[in-house]
Amino acid sequence: MKIPENLKEIVDRLGSAMVQALAKDEETRALARAIQDKGFDIALVLEATVALHRREDEDEDTAPGFTLADEEGGDGDGQWSEADKAFLRTFRISM
């Protein structure tokens, strides 16, 4: 499947946002400091796989899911799928 350029940009922004969220998380920072206090340097390598599947059976304008209004802090009526919620919970991100 060929991914539209504007979608690639959004996926890149998602990756950057995840890195920023982890970097700003106080518990993560405290644990990293605790490791450093024990005399160790720390390097954290994360890999995130983003799987995109085009919805064939739904109209894009009415399909549930992430909307730009949600992304930009608007009042969109988008819904998150259970898979999306489970993925976010792995990073202790709650809705």
PDB file of N, CA and C in Angstrom:
ATOM      1  N   MET A   1       0.843  -1.175   0.000  1.00  0.00           N
ATOM      2  CA  MET A   1       0.000   0.000   0.000  1.00  0.00           C
ATOM      3  C   MET A   1       0.885   1.235   0.000  1.00  0.00           C
ATOM      4  N   LYS A   2       0.614   2.141  -0.893  1.00  0.00           N
ATOM      5  CA  LYS A   2       1.350   3.396  -0.940  1.00  0.00           C
ATOM      6  C   LYS A   2       0.738   4.348   0.087  1.00  0.00           C
ATOM      7  N   ILE A   3       1.585   4.888   0.954  1.00  0.00           N
ATOM      8  CA  ILE A   3       1.115   5.781   2.011  1.00  0.00           C
ATOM      9  C   ILE A   3       1.193   7.219   1.520  1.00  0.00           C
ATOM     10  N   PRO A   4       0.095   7.960   1.613  1.00  0.00           N
ATOM     11  CA  PRO A   4       0.116   9.360   1.184  1.00  0.00           C
ATOM     12  C   PRO A   4       1.128  10.167   1.993  1.00  0.00           C
ATOM     13  N   GLU A   5       1.755  11.132   1.352  1.00  0.00           N
ATOM     14  CA  GLU A   5       2.805  11.926   1.985  1.00  0.00           C
ATOM     15  C   GLU A   5       2.320  12.609   3.266  1.00  0.00           C
ATOM     16  N   ASN A   6       1.100  13.156   3.245  1.00  0.00           N
ATOM     17  CA  ASN A   6       0.613  13.837   4.447  1.00  0.00           C
ATOM     18  C   ASN A   6       0.418  12.864   5.603  1.00  0.00           C
ATOM     19  N   LEU A   7       0.107  11.596   5.318  1.00  0.00           N
ATOM     20  CA  LEU A   7      -0.028  10.600   6.362  1.00  0.00           C
ATOM     21  C   LEU A   7       1.335  10.235   6.940  1.00  0.00           C
ATOM     22  N   LYS A   8       2.358  10.182   6.090  1.00  0.00           N
ATOM     23  CA  LYS A   8       3.717   9.920   6.573  1.00  0.00           C
ATOM     24  C   LYS A   8       4.129  10.980   7.582  1.00  0.00           C
ATOM     25  N   GLU A   9       3.789  12.235   7.292  1.00  0.00           N
ATOM     26  CA  GLU A   9       4.136  13.329   8.202  1.00  0.00           C
ATOM     27  C   GLU A   9       3.437  13.154   9.548  1.00  0.00           C
ATOM     28  N   ILE A  10       2.171  12.760   9.537  1.00  0.00           N
ATOM     29  CA  ILE A  10       1.440  12.555  10.787  1.00  0.00           C
ATOM     30  C   ILE A  10       2.050  11.403  11.584  1.00  0.00           C
ATOM     31  N   VAL A  11       2.422  10.315  10.914  1.00  0.00           N
ATOM     32  CA  VAL A  11       3.040   9.178  11.594  1.00  0.00           C
ATOM     33  C   VAL A  11       4.388   9.600  12.188  1.00  0.00           C
ATOM     34  N   ASP A  12       5.164  10.402  11.449  1.00  0.00           N
ATOM     35  CA  ASP A  12       6.431  10.913  11.991  1.00  0.00           C
ATOM     36  C   ASP A  12       6.183  11.768  13.226  1.00  0.00           C
ATOM     37  N   ARG A  13       5.163  12.594  13.168  1.00  0.00           N
ATOM     38  CA  ARG A  13       4.821  13.439  14.316  1.00  0.00           C
ATOM     39  C   ARG A  13       4.391  12.595  15.507  1.00  0.00           C
ATOM     40  N   LEU A  14       3.685  11.486  15.243  1.00  0.00           N
ATOM     41  CA  LEU A  14       3.294  10.564  16.306  1.00  0.00           C
ATOM     42  C   LEU A  14       4.531  10.005  16.999  1.00  0.00           C
ATOM     43  N   GLY A  15       5.523   9.584  16.213  1.00  0.00           N
ATOM     44  CA  GLY A  15       6.763   9.071  16.797  1.00  0.00           C
ATOM     45  C   GLY A  15       7.462  10.117  17.642  1.00  0.00           C
ATOM     46  N   SER A  16       7.532  11.332  17.153  1.00  0.00           N
ATOM     47  CA  SER A  16       8.165  12.415  17.912  1.00  0.00           C
ATOM     48  C   SER A  16       7.402  12.704  19.200  1.00  0.00           C
ATOM     49  N   ALA A  17       6.083  12.684  19.124  1.00  0.00           N
ATOM     50  CA  ALA A  17       5.261  12.944  20.308  1.00  0.00           C
ATOM     51  C   ALA A  17       5.456  11.859  21.358  1.00  0.00           C
ATOM     52  N   MET A  18       5.618  10.619  20.909  1.00  0.00           N
ATOM     53  CA  MET A  18       5.838   9.524  21.858  1.00  0.00           C
ATOM     54  C   MET A  18       7.182   9.683  22.561  1.00  0.00           C
ATOM     55  N   VAL A  19       8.211  10.053  21.819  1.00  0.00           N
ATOM     56  CA  VAL A  19       9.524  10.273  22.416  1.00  0.00           C
ATOM     57  C   VAL A  19       9.458  11.412  23.431  1.00  0.00           C
ATOM     58  N   GLN A  20       8.794  12.502  23.057  1.00  0.00           N
ATOM     59  CA  GLN A  20       8.656  13.649  23.956  1.00  0.00           C
ATOM     60  C   GLN A  20       7.880  13.273  25.217  1.00  0.00           C
ATOM     61  N   ALA A  21       6.807  12.490  25.059  1.00  0.00           N
ATOM     62  CA  ALA A  21       6.011  12.075  26.215  1.00  0.00           C
ATOM     63  C   ALA A  21       6.861  11.258  27.182  1.00  0.00           C
ATOM     64  N   LEU A  22       7.660  10.373  26.650  1.00  0.00           N
ATOM     65  CA  LEU A  22       8.522   9.550  27.496  1.00  0.00           C
ATOM     66  C   LEU A  22       9.593  10.399  28.158  1.00  0.00           C
ATOM     67  N   ALA A  23      10.168  11.328  27.420  1.00  0.00           N
ATOM     68  CA  ALA A  23      11.228  12.186  27.964  1.00  0.00           C
ATOM     69  C   ALA A  23      10.708  13.092  29.072  1.00  0.00           C
ATOM     70  N   LYS A  24       9.446  13.476  28.999  1.00  0.00           N
ATOM     71  CA  LYS A  24       8.871  14.385  29.991  1.00  0.00           C
ATOM     72  C   LYS A  24       8.239  13.663  31.170  1.00  0.00           C
ATOM     73  N   ASP A  25       8.092  12.357  31.076  1.00  0.00           N
ATOM     74  CA  ASP A  25       7.463  11.577  32.140  1.00  0.00           C
ATOM     75  C   ASP A  25       8.354  11.562  33.383  1.00  0.00           C
ATOM     76  N   GLU A  26       7.820  12.047  34.499  1.00  0.00           N
ATOM     77  CA  GLU A  26       8.622  12.169  35.726  1.00  0.00           C
ATOM     78  C   GLU A  26       9.099  10.819  36.246  1.00  0.00           C
ATOM     79  N   GLU A  27       8.266   9.791  36.192  1.00  0.00           N
ATOM     80  CA  GLU A  27       8.692   8.478  36.676  1.00  0.00           C
ATOM     81  C   GLU A  27       9.845   7.931  35.837  1.00  0.00           C
ATOM     82  N   THR A  28       9.746   8.082  34.527  1.00  0.00           N
ATOM     83  CA  THR A  28      10.815   7.626  33.640  1.00  0.00           C
ATOM     84  C   THR A  28      12.108   8.360  33.947  1.00  0.00           C
ATOM     85  N   ARG A  29      12.019   9.664  34.108  1.00  0.00           N
ATOM     86  CA  ARG A  29      13.217  10.459  34.410  1.00  0.00           C
ATOM     87  C   ARG A  29      13.798  10.070  35.768  1.00  0.00           C
ATOM     88  N   ALA A  30      12.947   9.826  36.761  1.00  0.00           N
ATOM     89  CA  ALA A  30      13.430   9.444  38.094  1.00  0.00           C
ATOM     90  C   ALA A  30      14.137   8.093  38.046  1.00  0.00           C
ATOM     91  N   LEU A  31      13.575   7.152  37.289  1.00  0.00           N
ATOM     92  CA  LEU A  31      14.212   5.840  37.179  1.00  0.00           C
ATOM     93  C   LEU A  31      15.548   5.926  36.453  1.00  0.00           C
ATOM     94  N   ALA A  32      15.624   6.743  35.413  1.00  0.00           N
ATOM     95  CA  ALA A  32      16.886   6.932  34.699  1.00  0.00           C
ATOM     96  C   ALA A  32      17.925   7.548  35.632  1.00  0.00           C
ATOM     97  N   ARG A  33      17.499   8.538  36.433  1.00  0.00           N
ATOM     98  CA  ARG A  33      18.435   9.141  37.404  1.00  0.00           C
ATOM     99  C   ARG A  33      18.906   8.112  38.432  1.00  0.00           C
ATOM    100  N   ALA A  34      18.008   7.233  38.873  1.00  0.00           N
ATOM    101  CA  ALA A  34      18.379   6.205  39.848  1.00  0.00           C
ATOM    102  C   ALA A  34      19.438   5.274  39.268  1.00  0.00           C
ATOM    103  N   ILE A  35      19.316   4.932  38.005  1.00  0.00           N
ATOM    104  CA  ILE A  35      20.313   4.083  37.345  1.00  0.00           C
ATOM    105  C   ILE A  35      21.642   4.826  37.259  1.00  0.00           C
ATOM    106  N   GLN A  36      21.589   6.103  36.900  1.00  0.00           N
ATOM    107  CA  GLN A  36      22.811   6.905  36.817  1.00  0.00           C
ATOM    108  C   GLN A  36      23.459   7.065  38.186  1.00  0.00           C
ATOM    109  N   ASP A  37      22.642   7.209  39.228  1.00  0.00           N
ATOM    110  CA  ASP A  37      23.175   7.327  40.591  1.00  0.00           C
ATOM    111  C   ASP A  37      23.909   6.067  41.025  1.00  0.00           C
ATOM    112  N   LYS A  38      23.595   4.940  40.411  1.00  0.00           N
ATOM    113  CA  LYS A  38      24.287   3.672  40.706  1.00  0.00           C
ATOM    114  C   LYS A  38      25.588   3.554  39.924  1.00  0.00           C
ATOM    115  N   GLY A  39      25.920   4.601  39.137  1.00  0.00           N
ATOM    116  CA  GLY A  39      27.189   4.622  38.424  1.00  0.00           C
ATOM    117  C   GLY A  39      27.125   4.117  36.993  1.00  0.00           C
ATOM    118  N   PHE A  40      25.938   4.029  36.436  1.00  0.00           N
ATOM    119  CA  PHE A  40      25.788   3.526  35.074  1.00  0.00           C
ATOM    120  C   PHE A  40      25.301   4.635  34.155  1.00  0.00           C
ATOM    121  N   ASP A  41      25.808   4.609  32.925  1.00  0.00           N
ATOM    122  CA  ASP A  41      25.223   5.433  31.869  1.00  0.00           C
ATOM    123  C   ASP A  41      24.044   4.652  31.316  1.00  0.00           C
ATOM    124  N   ILE A  42      23.093   5.365  30.790  1.00  0.00           N
ATOM    125  CA  ILE A  42      21.905   4.686  30.283  1.00  0.00           C
ATOM    126  C   ILE A  42      21.613   5.143  28.858  1.00  0.00           C
ATOM    127  N   ALA A  43      21.293   4.188  28.014  1.00  0.00           N
ATOM    128  CA  ALA A  43      20.839   4.470  26.655  1.00  0.00           C
ATOM    129  C   ALA A  43      19.561   3.659  26.468  1.00  0.00           C
ATOM    130  N   LEU A  44      18.523   4.318  26.036  1.00  0.00           N
ATOM    131  CA  LEU A  44      17.246   3.657  25.832  1.00  0.00           C
ATOM    132  C   LEU A  44      16.910   3.673  24.350  1.00  0.00           C
ATOM    133  N   VAL A  45      16.692   2.494  23.808  1.00  0.00           N
ATOM    134  CA  VAL A  45      16.345   2.374  22.401  1.00  0.00           C
ATOM    135  C   VAL A  45      14.938   1.787  22.337  1.00  0.00           C
ATOM    136  N   LEU A  46      14.041   2.527  21.720  1.00  0.00           N
ATOM    137  CA  LEU A  46      12.665   2.062  21.574  1.00  0.00           C
ATOM    138  C   LEU A  46      12.354   1.851  20.105  1.00  0.00           C
ATOM    139  N   GLU A  47      11.553   0.859  19.836  1.00  0.00           N
ATOM    140  CA  GLU A  47      11.094   0.642  18.472  1.00  0.00           C
ATOM    141  C   GLU A  47       9.580   0.593  18.508  1.00  0.00           C
ATOM    142  N   ALA A  48       8.959   1.385  17.680  1.00  0.00           N
ATOM    143  CA  ALA A  48       7.504   1.373  17.584  1.00  0.00           C
ATOM    144  C   ALA A  48       7.134   1.021  16.152  1.00  0.00           C
ATOM    145  N   THR A  49       6.259   0.080  16.029  1.00  0.00           N
ATOM    146  CA  THR A  49       5.771  -0.295  14.718  1.00  0.00           C
ATOM    147  C   THR A  49       4.366   0.262  14.575  1.00  0.00           C
ATOM    148  N   VAL A  50       4.164   1.039  13.552  1.00  0.00           N
ATOM    149  CA  VAL A  50       2.848   1.607  13.280  1.00  0.00           C
ATOM    150  C   VAL A  50       2.279   0.863  12.081  1.00  0.00           C
ATOM    151  N   ALA A  51       1.178   0.192  12.306  1.00  0.00           N
ATOM    152  CA  ALA A  51       0.524  -0.551  11.229  1.00  0.00           C
ATOM    153  C   ALA A  51      -0.681   0.250  10.757  1.00  0.00           C
ATOM    154  N   LEU A  52      -0.722   0.512   9.477  1.00  0.00           N
ATOM    155  CA  LEU A  52      -1.824   1.265   8.896  1.00  0.00           C
ATOM    156  C   LEU A  52      -2.603   0.352   7.964  1.00  0.00           C
ATOM    157  N   HIS A  53      -3.909   0.343   8.133  1.00  0.00           N
ATOM    158  CA  HIS A  53      -4.777  -0.461   7.274  1.00  0.00           C
ATOM    159  C   HIS A  53      -5.910   0.435   6.798  1.00  0.00           C
ATOM    160  N   ARG A  54      -6.059   0.575   5.513  1.00  0.00           N
ATOM    161  CA  ARG A  54      -7.139   1.399   4.964  1.00  0.00           C
ATOM    162  C   ARG A  54      -8.468   0.711   5.228  1.00  0.00           C
ATOM    163  N   ARG A  55      -9.416   1.487   5.730  1.00  0.00           N
ATOM    164  CA  ARG A  55     -10.768   0.986   5.940  1.00  0.00           C
ATOM    165  C   ARG A  55     -11.485   0.989   4.602  1.00  0.00           C
ATOM    166  N   GLU A  56     -11.885  -0.163   4.123  1.00  0.00           N
ATOM    167  CA  GLU A  56     -12.537  -0.281   2.826  1.00  0.00           C
ATOM    168  C   GLU A  56     -14.052  -0.181   2.944  1.00  0.00           C
ATOM    169  N   ASP A  57     -14.594  -0.572   4.096  1.00  0.00           N
ATOM    170  CA  ASP A  57     -16.041  -0.687   4.204  1.00  0.00           C
ATOM    171  C   ASP A  57     -16.712   0.516   4.859  1.00  0.00           C
ATOM    172  N   GLU A  58     -15.953   1.580   5.157  1.00  0.00           N
ATOM    173  CA  GLU A  58     -16.540   2.731   5.808  1.00  0.00           C
ATOM    174  C   GLU A  58     -16.177   4.000   5.055  1.00  0.00           C
ATOM    175  N   ASP A  59     -17.027   4.962   5.116  1.00  0.00           N
ATOM    176  CA  ASP A  59     -16.760   6.272   4.543  1.00  0.00           C
ATOM    177  C   ASP A  59     -15.748   6.969   5.438  1.00  0.00           C
ATOM    178  N   GLU A  60     -14.679   7.521   4.870  1.00  0.00           N
ATOM    179  CA  GLU A  60     -13.626   8.160   5.668  1.00  0.00           C
ATOM    180  C   GLU A  60     -14.147   9.287   6.529  1.00  0.00           C
ATOM    181  N   ASP A  61     -15.156  10.006   6.074  1.00  0.00           N
ATOM    182  CA  ASP A  61     -15.663  11.144   6.828  1.00  0.00           C
ATOM    183  C   ASP A  61     -16.450  10.727   8.051  1.00  0.00           C
ATOM    184  N   THR A  62     -16.982   9.506   8.071  1.00  0.00           N
ATOM    185  CA  THR A  62     -17.806   9.092   9.196  1.00  0.00           C
ATOM    186  C   THR A  62     -17.194   7.945   9.981  1.00  0.00           C
ATOM    187  N   ALA A  63     -16.042   7.455   9.559  1.00  0.00           N
ATOM    188  CA  ALA A  63     -15.431   6.323  10.238  1.00  0.00           C
ATOM    189  C   ALA A  63     -14.907   6.746  11.600  1.00  0.00           C
ATOM    190  N   PRO A  64     -15.099   5.899  12.639  1.00  0.00           N
ATOM    191  CA  PRO A  64     -14.539   6.239  13.942  1.00  0.00           C
ATOM    192  C   PRO A  64     -13.028   6.176  13.886  1.00  0.00           C
ATOM    193  N   GLY A  65     -12.386   6.922  14.725  1.00  0.00           N
ATOM    194  CA  GLY A  65     -10.929   6.912  14.791  1.00  0.00           C
ATOM    195  C   GLY A  65     -10.391   8.278  15.088  1.00  0.00           C
ATOM    196  N   PHE A  66      -9.120   8.437  14.943  1.00  0.00           N
ATOM    197  CA  PHE A  66      -8.422   9.685  15.229  1.00  0.00           C
ATOM    198  C   PHE A  66      -8.765  10.718  14.168  1.00  0.00           C
ATOM    199  N   THR A  67      -9.096  11.919  14.611  1.00  0.00           N
ATOM    200  CA  THR A  67      -9.395  12.980  13.660  1.00  0.00           C
ATOM    201  C   THR A  67      -8.436  14.126  13.873  1.00  0.00           C
ATOM    202  N   LEU A  68      -8.249  14.947  12.858  1.00  0.00           N
ATOM    203  CA  LEU A  68      -7.382  16.112  13.006  1.00  0.00           C
ATOM    204  C   LEU A  68      -7.908  17.049  14.071  1.00  0.00           C
ATOM    205  N   ALA A  69      -9.214  17.129  14.242  1.00  0.00           N
ATOM    206  CA  ALA A  69      -9.763  17.981  15.296  1.00  0.00           C
ATOM    207  C   ALA A  69      -9.277  17.489  16.651  1.00  0.00           C
ATOM    208  N   ASP A  70      -9.225  16.157  16.852  1.00  0.00           N
ATOM    209  CA  ASP A  70      -8.699  15.611  18.103  1.00  0.00           C
ATOM    210  C   ASP A  70      -7.233  15.971  18.256  1.00  0.00           C
ATOM    211  N   GLU A  71      -6.471  15.816  17.180  1.00  0.00           N
ATOM    212  CA  GLU A  71      -5.031  16.057  17.216  1.00  0.00           C
ATOM    213  C   GLU A  71      -4.730  17.500  17.576  1.00  0.00           C
ATOM    214  N   GLU A  72      -5.521  18.414  17.051  1.00  0.00           N
ATOM    215  CA  GLU A  72      -5.237  19.823  17.243  1.00  0.00           C
ATOM    216  C   GLU A  72      -5.950  20.400  18.445  1.00  0.00           C
ATOM    217  N   GLY A  73      -6.496  19.547  19.316  1.00  0.00           N
ATOM    218  CA  GLY A  73      -7.169  20.027  20.498  1.00  0.00           C
ATOM    219  C   GLY A  73      -8.570  20.531  20.222  1.00  0.00           C
ATOM    220  N   GLY A  74      -9.104  20.221  19.052  1.00  0.00           N
ATOM    221  CA  GLY A  74     -10.442  20.657  18.696  1.00  0.00           C
ATOM    222  C   GLY A  74     -11.477  19.809  19.390  1.00  0.00           C
ATOM    223  N   ASP A  75     -12.710  20.002  19.001  1.00  0.00           N
ATOM    224  CA  ASP A  75     -13.769  19.242  19.632  1.00  0.00           C
ATOM    225  C   ASP A  75     -14.371  18.249  18.654  1.00  0.00           C
ATOM    226  N   GLY A  76     -13.484  17.508  17.973  1.00  0.00           N
ATOM    227  CA  GLY A  76     -13.929  16.478  17.043  1.00  0.00           C
ATOM    228  C   GLY A  76     -14.606  15.354  17.797  1.00  0.00           C
ATOM    229  N   ASP A  77     -15.414  14.601  17.106  1.00  0.00           N
ATOM    230  CA  ASP A  77     -16.140  13.521  17.761  1.00  0.00           C
ATOM    231  C   ASP A  77     -15.508  12.173  17.460  1.00  0.00           C
ATOM    232  N   GLY A  78     -14.201  12.149  17.135  1.00  0.00           N
ATOM    233  CA  GLY A  78     -13.504  10.907  16.825  1.00  0.00           C
ATOM    234  C   GLY A  78     -13.476   9.972  18.016  1.00  0.00           C
ATOM    235  N   GLN A  79     -13.421   8.682  17.729  1.00  0.00           N
ATOM    236  CA  GLN A  79     -13.358   7.682  18.779  1.00  0.00           C
ATOM    237  C   GLN A  79     -12.091   6.874  18.586  1.00  0.00           C
ATOM    238  N   TRP A  80     -11.581   6.331  19.663  1.00  0.00           N
ATOM    239  CA  TRP A  80     -10.392   5.489  19.617  1.00  0.00           C
ATOM    240  C   TRP A  80     -10.842   4.044  19.639  1.00  0.00           C
ATOM    241  N   SER A  81     -10.221   3.226  18.800  1.00  0.00           N
ATOM    242  CA  SER A  81     -10.549   1.800  18.799  1.00  0.00           C
ATOM    243  C   SER A  81      -9.952   1.158  20.050  1.00  0.00           C
ATOM    244  N   GLU A  82     -10.418  -0.034  20.359  1.00  0.00           N
ATOM    245  CA  GLU A  82      -9.881  -0.751  21.518  1.00  0.00           C
ATOM    246  C   GLU A  82      -8.393  -1.046  21.326  1.00  0.00           C
ATOM    247  N   ALA A  83      -7.987  -1.320  20.084  1.00  0.00           N
ATOM    248  CA  ALA A  83      -6.560  -1.559  19.806  1.00  0.00           C
ATOM    249  C   ALA A  83      -5.747  -0.298  20.074  1.00  0.00           C
ATOM    250  N   ASP A  84      -6.298   0.875  19.681  1.00  0.00           N
ATOM    251  CA  ASP A  84      -5.608   2.133  19.953  1.00  0.00           C
ATOM    252  C   ASP A  84      -5.453   2.336  21.461  1.00  0.00           C
ATOM    253  N   LYS A  85      -6.522   2.110  22.205  1.00  0.00           N
ATOM    254  CA  LYS A  85      -6.496   2.298  23.656  1.00  0.00           C
ATOM    255  C   LYS A  85      -5.501   1.346  24.313  1.00  0.00           C
ATOM    256  N   ALA A  86      -5.477   0.096  23.857  1.00  0.00           N
ATOM    257  CA  ALA A  86      -4.538  -0.884  24.410  1.00  0.00           C
ATOM    258  C   ALA A  86      -3.100  -0.455  24.139  1.00  0.00           C
ATOM    259  N   PHE A  87      -2.852   0.044  22.930  1.00  0.00           N
ATOM    260  CA  PHE A  87      -1.511   0.519  22.590  1.00  0.00           C
ATOM    261  C   PHE A  87      -1.104   1.669  23.508  1.00  0.00           C
ATOM    262  N   LEU A  88      -1.985   2.625  23.713  1.00  0.00           N
ATOM    263  CA  LEU A  88      -1.674   3.766  24.575  1.00  0.00           C
ATOM    264  C   LEU A  88      -1.466   3.321  26.021  1.00  0.00           C
ATOM    265  N   ARG A  89      -2.243   2.325  26.466  1.00  0.00           N
ATOM    266  CA  ARG A  89      -2.071   1.850  27.848  1.00  0.00           C
ATOM    267  C   ARG A  89      -0.687   1.235  28.064  1.00  0.00           C
ATOM    268  N   THR A  90      -0.076   0.683  27.009  1.00  0.00           N
ATOM    269  CA  THR A  90       1.268   0.115  27.177  1.00  0.00           C
ATOM    270  C   THR A  90       2.267   1.217  27.553  1.00  0.00           C
ATOM    271  N   PHE A  91       1.930   2.457  27.243  1.00  0.00           N
ATOM    272  CA  PHE A  91       2.783   3.591  27.602  1.00  0.00           C
ATOM    273  C   PHE A  91       2.209   4.351  28.790  1.00  0.00           C
ATOM    274  N   ARG A  92       1.241   3.731  29.470  1.00  0.00           N
ATOM    275  CA  ARG A  92       0.558   4.338  30.620  1.00  0.00           C
ATOM    276  C   ARG A  92      -0.073   5.682  30.247  1.00  0.00           C
ATOM    277  N   ILE A  93      -0.618   5.744  29.051  1.00  0.00           N
ATOM    278  CA  ILE A  93      -1.341   6.916  28.588  1.00  0.00           C
ATOM    279  C   ILE A  93      -2.819   6.567  28.700  1.00  0.00           C
ATOM    280  N   SER A  94      -3.556   7.364  29.468  1.00  0.00           N
ATOM    281  CA  SER A  94      -4.975   7.078  29.628  1.00  0.00           C
ATOM    282  C   SER A  94      -5.795   8.101  28.863  1.00  0.00           C
ATOM    283  N   MET A  95      -6.966   7.689  28.491  1.00  0.00           N
ATOM    284  CA  MET A  95      -7.880   8.551  27.746  1.00  0.00           C
ATOM    285  C   MET A  95      -8.784   9.271  28.720  1.00  0.00           C
TER     286      MET A  95
END
